[in-house]
Amino acid sequence: MSKIEPTLVAPMAPSKIDFAAVLARQSERDARIAALRPANKERLFDGLTAAGITHVTVSFDGYGDSGQVESIAAYAGDAEVTFPKTQIAYAALTWDDPEVEMRALSLEDVVEQLAYDLLSDTHGGWENNDGAYGEFCFDASARTIHLEFNERFTSSELYTHDF
């Protein structure tokens, strides 16, 4: 009788990555980003009000691992207006630097950045698979941001019959 060698490879060594520490660092980073948002919103609403903009709409659409803002429109009452060239301070964290970075962005760019941030926070992965679409309304007078979000999904229904 001959000795047969095993054909399965030995199991992988346990991971040396401390996943709890990774998740804790990400949670801390998320909290720091969330803490920056109220001041960013205040500066945006102050800038929109100073420019005479009453509200802004942002339409987005995505599916199949790709998504984008489709349009951004500013209004003064019922009339659509052009965004001014005004720039405001926007506080952000970058991946490679723990310090807060202050950027000078246009009002329109801040609206777009906040829309993407809020989509990521509330519906991460909104652009994947069947995707989603919707619209934000940035109401400068109420100082609120409203999101209408439509999630797409494939559905199937099973019917069985015995004859």
N, C-alpha and C. Protein backbone atom coordinates (compact mmCIF):
# COMPACT_ATOMS: atom_id res chain seq x y z
N MET A 1 0.83 -1.16 0.00
CA MET A 1 0.00 0.00 0.00
C MET A 1 0.90 1.25 0.00
N SER A 2 0.53 2.27 -0.82
CA SER A 2 1.35 3.46 -0.90
C SER A 2 0.73 4.60 -0.10
N LYS A 3 1.58 5.45 0.33
CA LYS A 3 1.11 6.60 1.10
C LYS A 3 0.59 7.65 0.11
N ILE A 4 -0.60 8.18 0.34
CA ILE A 4 -1.19 9.18 -0.54
C ILE A 4 -1.04 10.54 0.12
N GLU A 5 -0.50 11.50 -0.66
CA GLU A 5 -0.31 12.85 -0.16
C GLU A 5 -1.65 13.60 -0.22
N PRO A 6 -1.93 14.46 0.75
CA PRO A 6 -3.17 15.23 0.71
C PRO A 6 -3.16 16.18 -0.49
N THR A 7 -4.32 16.38 -1.07
CA THR A 7 -4.42 17.28 -2.23
C THR A 7 -4.90 18.67 -1.84
N LEU A 8 -5.39 18.84 -0.65
CA LEU A 8 -5.84 20.15 -0.20
C LEU A 8 -4.68 20.92 0.41
N VAL A 9 -4.65 22.21 0.10
CA VAL A 9 -3.60 23.04 0.71
C VAL A 9 -3.95 23.31 2.16
N ALA A 10 -2.94 23.61 2.91
CA ALA A 10 -3.16 23.92 4.33
C ALA A 10 -3.99 25.20 4.43
N PRO A 11 -4.82 25.32 5.45
CA PRO A 11 -5.63 26.54 5.61
C PRO A 11 -4.73 27.77 5.74
N MET A 12 -5.29 28.90 5.33
CA MET A 12 -4.54 30.15 5.45
C MET A 12 -4.33 30.48 6.92
N ALA A 13 -3.23 31.15 7.16
CA ALA A 13 -2.96 31.60 8.52
C ALA A 13 -4.00 32.65 8.91
N PRO A 14 -4.33 32.74 10.18
CA PRO A 14 -5.30 33.76 10.60
C PRO A 14 -4.82 35.16 10.20
N SER A 15 -5.74 36.00 9.90
CA SER A 15 -5.41 37.37 9.50
C SER A 15 -4.75 38.10 10.65
N LYS A 16 -3.79 38.92 10.30
CA LYS A 16 -3.11 39.73 11.30
C LYS A 16 -3.72 41.13 11.36
N ILE A 17 -4.74 41.36 10.55
CA ILE A 17 -5.41 42.67 10.53
C ILE A 17 -6.38 42.73 11.71
N ASP A 18 -6.30 43.79 12.44
CA ASP A 18 -7.22 44.01 13.55
C ASP A 18 -8.45 44.73 13.00
N PHE A 19 -9.44 43.96 12.57
CA PHE A 19 -10.62 44.54 11.93
C PHE A 19 -11.41 45.45 12.87
N ALA A 20 -11.41 45.15 14.14
CA ALA A 20 -12.09 46.02 15.10
C ALA A 20 -11.43 47.40 15.12
N ALA A 21 -10.12 47.44 15.04
CA ALA A 21 -9.40 48.71 15.02
C ALA A 21 -9.68 49.47 13.72
N VAL A 22 -9.71 48.75 12.59
CA VAL A 22 -10.01 49.37 11.30
C VAL A 22 -11.40 49.99 11.33
N LEU A 23 -12.38 49.25 11.82
CA LEU A 23 -13.75 49.75 11.90
C LEU A 23 -13.85 50.93 12.88
N ALA A 24 -13.11 50.87 13.95
CA ALA A 24 -13.12 51.98 14.92
C ALA A 24 -12.55 53.24 14.29
N ARG A 25 -11.45 53.11 13.53
CA ARG A 25 -10.87 54.28 12.86
C ARG A 25 -11.85 54.85 11.83
N GLN A 26 -12.53 53.97 11.09
CA GLN A 26 -13.49 54.45 10.10
C GLN A 26 -14.67 55.13 10.78
N SER A 27 -15.11 54.59 11.88
CA SER A 27 -16.22 55.19 12.62
C SER A 27 -15.82 56.57 13.15
N GLU A 28 -14.59 56.69 13.63
CA GLU A 28 -14.10 57.98 14.13
C GLU A 28 -14.02 58.99 12.97
N ARG A 29 -13.54 58.55 11.82
CA ARG A 29 -13.45 59.42 10.65
C ARG A 29 -14.85 59.87 10.20
N ASP A 30 -15.79 58.93 10.17
CA ASP A 30 -17.18 59.27 9.80
C ASP A 30 -17.76 60.31 10.75
N ALA A 31 -17.47 60.16 12.04
CA ALA A 31 -17.97 61.12 13.03
C ALA A 31 -17.34 62.50 12.81
N ARG A 32 -16.06 62.55 12.46
CA ARG A 32 -15.40 63.83 12.20
C ARG A 32 -16.00 64.50 10.97
N ILE A 33 -16.28 63.72 9.94
CA ILE A 33 -16.90 64.27 8.73
C ILE A 33 -18.29 64.79 9.04
N ALA A 34 -19.06 64.03 9.80
CA ALA A 34 -20.42 64.45 10.18
C ALA A 34 -20.38 65.74 11.00
N ALA A 35 -19.35 65.90 11.81
CA ALA A 35 -19.23 67.11 12.63
C ALA A 35 -18.93 68.35 11.78
N LEU A 36 -18.36 68.17 10.60
CA LEU A 36 -18.07 69.30 9.71
C LEU A 36 -19.31 69.77 8.95
N ARG A 37 -20.27 68.89 8.77
CA ARG A 37 -21.41 69.17 7.91
C ARG A 37 -22.27 70.36 8.34
N PRO A 38 -22.62 70.52 9.63
CA PRO A 38 -23.48 71.66 9.99
C PRO A 38 -22.87 73.02 9.60
N ALA A 39 -21.58 73.23 9.82
CA ALA A 39 -20.96 74.50 9.45
C ALA A 39 -20.90 74.66 7.93
N ASN A 40 -20.66 73.56 7.20
CA ASN A 40 -20.67 73.63 5.74
C ASN A 40 -22.05 74.02 5.22
N LYS A 41 -23.09 73.44 5.82
CA LYS A 41 -24.46 73.78 5.42
C LYS A 41 -24.76 75.25 5.72
N GLU A 42 -24.35 75.71 6.89
CA GLU A 42 -24.60 77.11 7.27
C GLU A 42 -23.94 78.07 6.28
N ARG A 43 -22.67 77.80 5.94
CA ARG A 43 -21.97 78.66 4.98
C ARG A 43 -22.66 78.61 3.61
N LEU A 44 -23.12 77.43 3.22
CA LEU A 44 -23.83 77.31 1.94
C LEU A 44 -25.13 78.11 1.95
N PHE A 45 -25.95 77.92 2.97
CA PHE A 45 -27.23 78.63 3.03
C PHE A 45 -27.01 80.15 3.13
N ASP A 46 -25.98 80.58 3.86
CA ASP A 46 -25.65 82.01 3.92
C ASP A 46 -25.29 82.52 2.53
N GLY A 47 -24.49 81.75 1.80
CA GLY A 47 -24.09 82.15 0.45
C GLY A 47 -25.25 82.18 -0.53
N LEU A 48 -26.14 81.17 -0.44
CA LEU A 48 -27.31 81.15 -1.32
C LEU A 48 -28.21 82.34 -1.05
N THR A 49 -28.45 82.62 0.23
CA THR A 49 -29.31 83.74 0.62
C THR A 49 -28.70 85.07 0.16
N ALA A 50 -27.41 85.25 0.35
CA ALA A 50 -26.74 86.49 -0.08
C ALA A 50 -26.83 86.67 -1.59
N ALA A 51 -26.87 85.55 -2.34
CA ALA A 51 -26.95 85.61 -3.80
C ALA A 51 -28.40 85.76 -4.28
N GLY A 52 -29.36 85.76 -3.36
CA GLY A 52 -30.77 85.87 -3.74
C GLY A 52 -31.38 84.58 -4.23
N ILE A 53 -30.71 83.46 -3.98
CA ILE A 53 -31.20 82.14 -4.40
C ILE A 53 -32.09 81.59 -3.30
N THR A 54 -33.33 81.26 -3.64
CA THR A 54 -34.27 80.75 -2.65
C THR A 54 -34.19 79.23 -2.50
N HIS A 55 -33.92 78.55 -3.61
CA HIS A 55 -33.79 77.10 -3.52
C HIS A 55 -33.00 76.56 -4.72
N VAL A 56 -32.49 75.37 -4.53
CA VAL A 56 -31.69 74.69 -5.55
C VAL A 56 -32.20 73.27 -5.65
N THR A 57 -32.32 72.77 -6.89
CA THR A 57 -32.68 71.37 -7.08
C THR A 57 -31.49 70.63 -7.70
N VAL A 58 -31.32 69.40 -7.25
CA VAL A 58 -30.24 68.54 -7.75
C VAL A 58 -30.86 67.21 -8.14
N SER A 59 -30.78 66.86 -9.42
CA SER A 59 -31.28 65.57 -9.90
C SER A 59 -30.10 64.63 -10.07
N PHE A 60 -30.29 63.37 -9.68
CA PHE A 60 -29.23 62.37 -9.81
C PHE A 60 -29.80 61.08 -10.35
N ASP A 61 -28.95 60.26 -10.93
CA ASP A 61 -29.37 58.97 -11.49
C ASP A 61 -28.16 58.06 -11.53
N GLY A 62 -28.37 56.80 -11.24
CA GLY A 62 -27.26 55.85 -11.31
C GLY A 62 -27.74 54.42 -11.34
N TYR A 63 -26.94 53.57 -11.97
CA TYR A 63 -27.19 52.14 -12.01
C TYR A 63 -25.95 51.48 -12.60
N GLY A 64 -25.85 50.17 -12.41
CA GLY A 64 -24.74 49.43 -13.01
C GLY A 64 -23.37 49.90 -12.54
N ASP A 65 -23.24 50.27 -11.29
CA ASP A 65 -21.98 50.71 -10.68
C ASP A 65 -21.52 52.09 -11.15
N SER A 66 -22.44 52.89 -11.68
CA SER A 66 -22.09 54.23 -12.12
C SER A 66 -23.24 55.17 -11.79
N GLY A 67 -22.94 56.30 -11.20
CA GLY A 67 -23.99 57.25 -10.88
C GLY A 67 -23.45 58.66 -10.90
N GLN A 68 -24.32 59.60 -11.18
CA GLN A 68 -23.88 60.98 -11.28
C GLN A 68 -25.02 61.94 -11.02
N VAL A 69 -24.63 63.16 -10.72
CA VAL A 69 -25.59 64.25 -10.66
C VAL A 69 -25.92 64.60 -12.10
N GLU A 70 -27.20 64.63 -12.42
CA GLU A 70 -27.64 64.92 -13.78
C GLU A 70 -27.79 66.42 -14.02
N SER A 71 -28.30 67.13 -13.01
CA SER A 71 -28.49 68.57 -13.19
C SER A 71 -28.55 69.26 -11.83
N ILE A 72 -28.15 70.53 -11.83
CA ILE A 72 -28.25 71.39 -10.66
C ILE A 72 -28.86 72.70 -11.15
N ALA A 73 -29.97 73.10 -10.54
CA ALA A 73 -30.64 74.33 -10.96
C ALA A 73 -30.90 75.21 -9.75
N ALA A 74 -30.61 76.50 -9.90
CA ALA A 74 -30.83 77.49 -8.84
C ALA A 74 -32.04 78.34 -9.20
N TYR A 75 -32.80 78.74 -8.18
CA TYR A 75 -34.01 79.53 -8.39
C TYR A 75 -34.06 80.70 -7.43
N ALA A 76 -34.62 81.79 -7.93
CA ALA A 76 -35.00 82.93 -7.10
C ALA A 76 -36.52 83.00 -7.24
N GLY A 77 -37.22 82.48 -6.23
CA GLY A 77 -38.66 82.32 -6.37
C GLY A 77 -38.93 81.26 -7.43
N ASP A 78 -39.76 81.60 -8.42
CA ASP A 78 -40.08 80.64 -9.48
C ASP A 78 -39.14 80.75 -10.68
N ALA A 79 -38.29 81.76 -10.70
CA ALA A 79 -37.42 81.99 -11.85
C ALA A 79 -36.09 81.26 -11.67
N GLU A 80 -35.69 80.52 -12.71
CA GLU A 80 -34.38 79.88 -12.68
C GLU A 80 -33.32 80.95 -12.89
N VAL A 81 -32.25 80.88 -12.10
CA VAL A 81 -31.17 81.86 -12.17
C VAL A 81 -29.83 81.14 -12.32
N THR A 82 -28.84 81.90 -12.72
CA THR A 82 -27.49 81.37 -12.85
C THR A 82 -26.78 81.49 -11.51
N PHE A 83 -26.02 80.45 -11.17
CA PHE A 83 -25.22 80.54 -9.94
C PHE A 83 -24.19 81.65 -10.10
N PRO A 84 -23.99 82.45 -9.05
CA PRO A 84 -22.93 83.46 -9.12
C PRO A 84 -21.57 82.76 -9.00
N LYS A 85 -20.52 83.48 -9.29
CA LYS A 85 -19.16 82.92 -9.21
C LYS A 85 -18.63 82.92 -7.77
N THR A 86 -19.49 83.27 -6.83
CA THR A 86 -19.12 83.34 -5.42
C THR A 86 -18.49 82.03 -4.95
N GLN A 87 -17.43 82.16 -4.17
CA GLN A 87 -16.83 80.99 -3.54
C GLN A 87 -16.98 81.09 -2.04
N ILE A 88 -17.16 79.94 -1.42
CA ILE A 88 -17.27 79.88 0.04
C ILE A 88 -16.32 78.82 0.57
N ALA A 89 -16.06 78.88 1.85
CA ALA A 89 -15.19 77.90 2.49
C ALA A 89 -15.96 76.60 2.68
N TYR A 90 -15.30 75.49 2.39
CA TYR A 90 -15.88 74.16 2.57
C TYR A 90 -14.85 73.31 3.31
N ALA A 91 -15.21 72.81 4.47
CA ALA A 91 -14.31 71.99 5.29
C ALA A 91 -14.44 70.53 4.89
N ALA A 92 -13.28 69.87 4.70
CA ALA A 92 -13.31 68.47 4.27
C ALA A 92 -12.13 67.72 4.86
N LEU A 93 -12.27 66.41 4.91
CA LEU A 93 -11.16 65.53 5.26
C LEU A 93 -10.74 64.80 3.99
N THR A 94 -9.45 64.62 3.82
CA THR A 94 -8.96 63.82 2.70
C THR A 94 -8.51 62.48 3.27
N TRP A 95 -8.35 61.50 2.39
CA TRP A 95 -8.00 60.16 2.85
C TRP A 95 -6.61 60.09 3.46
N ASP A 96 -5.70 60.90 2.95
CA ASP A 96 -4.32 60.75 3.38
C ASP A 96 -3.86 61.77 4.41
N ASP A 97 -4.78 62.57 4.93
CA ASP A 97 -4.41 63.60 5.90
C ASP A 97 -5.48 63.70 6.97
N PRO A 98 -5.11 63.54 8.24
CA PRO A 98 -6.13 63.60 9.29
C PRO A 98 -6.62 65.01 9.60
N GLU A 99 -5.91 66.03 9.08
CA GLU A 99 -6.28 67.41 9.36
C GLU A 99 -7.43 67.87 8.46
N VAL A 100 -8.23 68.77 8.97
CA VAL A 100 -9.32 69.35 8.20
C VAL A 100 -8.72 70.28 7.15
N GLU A 101 -9.19 70.13 5.93
CA GLU A 101 -8.73 70.97 4.82
C GLU A 101 -9.84 71.95 4.47
N MET A 102 -9.51 73.22 4.44
CA MET A 102 -10.48 74.24 4.03
C MET A 102 -10.28 74.51 2.55
N ARG A 103 -11.36 74.33 1.79
CA ARG A 103 -11.31 74.55 0.34
C ARG A 103 -12.21 75.72 -0.01
N ALA A 104 -11.83 76.46 -1.03
CA ALA A 104 -12.69 77.52 -1.56
C ALA A 104 -13.41 76.94 -2.77
N LEU A 105 -14.72 76.72 -2.63
CA LEU A 105 -15.53 76.13 -3.70
C LEU A 105 -16.65 77.08 -4.08
N SER A 106 -17.10 76.96 -5.31
CA SER A 106 -18.26 77.74 -5.75
C SER A 106 -19.50 77.22 -5.03
N LEU A 107 -20.53 78.05 -4.98
CA LEU A 107 -21.79 77.62 -4.37
C LEU A 107 -22.30 76.34 -5.03
N GLU A 108 -22.24 76.31 -6.37
CA GLU A 108 -22.72 75.13 -7.10
C GLU A 108 -21.91 73.88 -6.74
N ASP A 109 -20.60 74.02 -6.61
CA ASP A 109 -19.76 72.87 -6.25
C ASP A 109 -20.06 72.38 -4.84
N VAL A 110 -20.35 73.29 -3.91
CA VAL A 110 -20.69 72.88 -2.55
C VAL A 110 -22.03 72.13 -2.55
N VAL A 111 -22.99 72.61 -3.32
CA VAL A 111 -24.28 71.91 -3.44
C VAL A 111 -24.04 70.49 -3.94
N GLU A 112 -23.25 70.36 -5.00
CA GLU A 112 -22.99 69.03 -5.56
C GLU A 112 -22.27 68.13 -4.56
N GLN A 113 -21.25 68.67 -3.88
CA GLN A 113 -20.51 67.88 -2.90
C GLN A 113 -21.42 67.41 -1.77
N LEU A 114 -22.25 68.31 -1.25
CA LEU A 114 -23.17 67.91 -0.18
C LEU A 114 -24.17 66.86 -0.66
N ALA A 115 -24.64 66.98 -1.89
CA ALA A 115 -25.58 65.98 -2.43
C ALA A 115 -24.91 64.61 -2.46
N TYR A 116 -23.69 64.54 -2.98
CA TYR A 116 -22.99 63.25 -3.01
C TYR A 116 -22.74 62.72 -1.60
N ASP A 117 -22.33 63.60 -0.69
CA ASP A 117 -22.07 63.17 0.69
C ASP A 117 -23.33 62.62 1.35
N LEU A 118 -24.45 63.32 1.17
CA LEU A 118 -25.70 62.88 1.79
C LEU A 118 -26.21 61.59 1.16
N LEU A 119 -26.04 61.43 -0.15
CA LEU A 119 -26.41 60.17 -0.79
C LEU A 119 -25.58 59.02 -0.22
N SER A 120 -24.30 59.25 -0.08
CA SER A 120 -23.42 58.22 0.45
C SER A 120 -23.80 57.86 1.89
N ASP A 121 -24.13 58.87 2.68
CA ASP A 121 -24.49 58.63 4.08
C ASP A 121 -25.81 57.88 4.23
N THR A 122 -26.80 58.25 3.42
CA THR A 122 -28.14 57.68 3.60
C THR A 122 -28.41 56.45 2.76
N HIS A 123 -27.79 56.37 1.60
CA HIS A 123 -28.05 55.25 0.67
C HIS A 123 -26.75 54.85 -0.02
N GLY A 124 -25.75 54.47 0.79
CA GLY A 124 -24.47 54.06 0.23
C GLY A 124 -24.66 52.96 -0.80
N GLY A 125 -23.99 53.10 -1.93
CA GLY A 125 -24.15 52.13 -3.02
C GLY A 125 -25.35 52.41 -3.90
N TRP A 126 -25.90 53.61 -3.82
CA TRP A 126 -27.11 53.95 -4.58
C TRP A 126 -26.93 53.77 -6.08
N GLU A 127 -25.70 53.77 -6.54
CA GLU A 127 -25.44 53.66 -7.97
C GLU A 127 -25.22 52.22 -8.43
N ASN A 128 -25.23 51.27 -7.52
CA ASN A 128 -24.93 49.89 -7.85
C ASN A 128 -26.16 49.13 -8.34
N ASN A 129 -25.89 48.08 -9.08
CA ASN A 129 -26.93 47.17 -9.58
C ASN A 129 -28.02 47.94 -10.32
N ASP A 130 -29.28 47.81 -9.91
CA ASP A 130 -30.37 48.51 -10.60
C ASP A 130 -30.37 50.00 -10.28
N GLY A 131 -29.65 50.39 -9.25
CA GLY A 131 -29.43 51.79 -8.95
C GLY A 131 -30.59 52.54 -8.35
N ALA A 132 -30.53 53.85 -8.49
CA ALA A 132 -31.54 54.73 -7.92
C ALA A 132 -31.50 56.06 -8.65
N TYR A 133 -32.55 56.83 -8.44
CA TYR A 133 -32.62 58.18 -8.99
C TYR A 133 -33.42 59.02 -8.03
N GLY A 134 -33.33 60.33 -8.19
CA GLY A 134 -34.11 61.19 -7.30
C GLY A 134 -33.70 62.62 -7.42
N GLU A 135 -34.13 63.38 -6.40
CA GLU A 135 -33.89 64.81 -6.43
C GLU A 135 -33.74 65.35 -5.01
N PHE A 136 -32.80 66.26 -4.87
CA PHE A 136 -32.64 67.03 -3.65
C PHE A 136 -33.27 68.40 -3.87
N CYS A 137 -33.78 68.99 -2.80
CA CYS A 137 -34.17 70.39 -2.81
C CYS A 137 -33.47 71.06 -1.63
N PHE A 138 -32.59 72.00 -1.94
CA PHE A 138 -31.91 72.81 -0.93
C PHE A 138 -32.74 74.08 -0.77
N ASP A 139 -33.46 74.19 0.33
CA ASP A 139 -34.35 75.33 0.57
C ASP A 139 -33.59 76.34 1.43
N ALA A 140 -33.17 77.44 0.80
CA ALA A 140 -32.33 78.42 1.50
C ALA A 140 -33.10 79.15 2.59
N SER A 141 -34.38 79.44 2.36
CA SER A 141 -35.13 80.19 3.38
C SER A 141 -35.42 79.32 4.60
N ALA A 142 -35.73 78.05 4.41
CA ALA A 142 -35.98 77.14 5.54
C ALA A 142 -34.67 76.54 6.06
N ARG A 143 -33.59 76.69 5.29
CA ARG A 143 -32.28 76.15 5.65
C ARG A 143 -32.35 74.64 5.86
N THR A 144 -33.03 73.99 4.92
CA THR A 144 -33.18 72.54 4.98
C THR A 144 -32.82 71.92 3.64
N ILE A 145 -32.51 70.64 3.69
CA ILE A 145 -32.25 69.87 2.48
C ILE A 145 -33.21 68.69 2.49
N HIS A 146 -34.00 68.57 1.44
CA HIS A 146 -34.98 67.50 1.32
C HIS A 146 -34.53 66.55 0.21
N LEU A 147 -34.63 65.25 0.44
CA LEU A 147 -34.25 64.24 -0.55
C LEU A 147 -35.44 63.36 -0.88
N GLU A 148 -35.74 63.24 -2.17
CA GLU A 148 -36.69 62.24 -2.66
C GLU A 148 -35.87 61.19 -3.38
N PHE A 149 -35.88 59.97 -2.86
CA PHE A 149 -34.99 58.89 -3.32
C PHE A 149 -35.83 57.73 -3.84
N ASN A 150 -35.54 57.32 -5.05
CA ASN A 150 -36.24 56.20 -5.68
C ASN A 150 -35.25 55.07 -5.95
N GLU A 151 -35.42 53.97 -5.24
CA GLU A 151 -34.52 52.84 -5.41
C GLU A 151 -35.11 51.88 -6.44
N ARG A 152 -34.27 51.46 -7.38
CA ARG A 152 -34.71 50.48 -8.38
C ARG A 152 -34.30 49.09 -7.91
N PHE A 153 -35.09 48.10 -8.25
CA PHE A 153 -34.72 46.73 -7.94
C PHE A 153 -35.42 45.78 -8.90
N THR A 154 -34.79 44.65 -9.13
CA THR A 154 -35.38 43.61 -9.95
C THR A 154 -36.20 42.72 -9.03
N SER A 155 -37.36 42.39 -9.48
CA SER A 155 -38.24 41.56 -8.67
C SER A 155 -38.67 40.34 -9.48
N SER A 156 -38.99 39.30 -8.78
CA SER A 156 -39.59 38.15 -9.45
C SER A 156 -40.69 37.61 -8.56
N GLU A 157 -41.68 37.03 -9.18
CA GLU A 157 -42.77 36.42 -8.44
C GLU A 157 -42.93 35.00 -8.91
N LEU A 158 -43.05 34.10 -7.97
CA LEU A 158 -43.20 32.68 -8.28
C LEU A 158 -44.67 32.31 -8.30
N TYR A 159 -45.07 31.63 -9.35
CA TYR A 159 -46.41 31.08 -9.44
C TYR A 159 -46.25 29.59 -9.66
N THR A 160 -46.98 28.81 -8.91
CA THR A 160 -46.94 27.35 -9.14
C THR A 160 -48.36 26.89 -9.45
N HIS A 161 -48.43 25.86 -10.25
CA HIS A 161 -49.73 25.30 -10.64
C HIS A 161 -49.63 23.79 -10.64
N ASP A 162 -50.59 23.15 -10.11
CA ASP A 162 -50.71 21.69 -10.20
C ASP A 162 -51.94 21.39 -11.02
N PHE A 163 -51.77 20.59 -12.04
CA PHE A 163 -52.91 20.24 -12.91
C PHE A 163 -53.15 18.75 -12.90
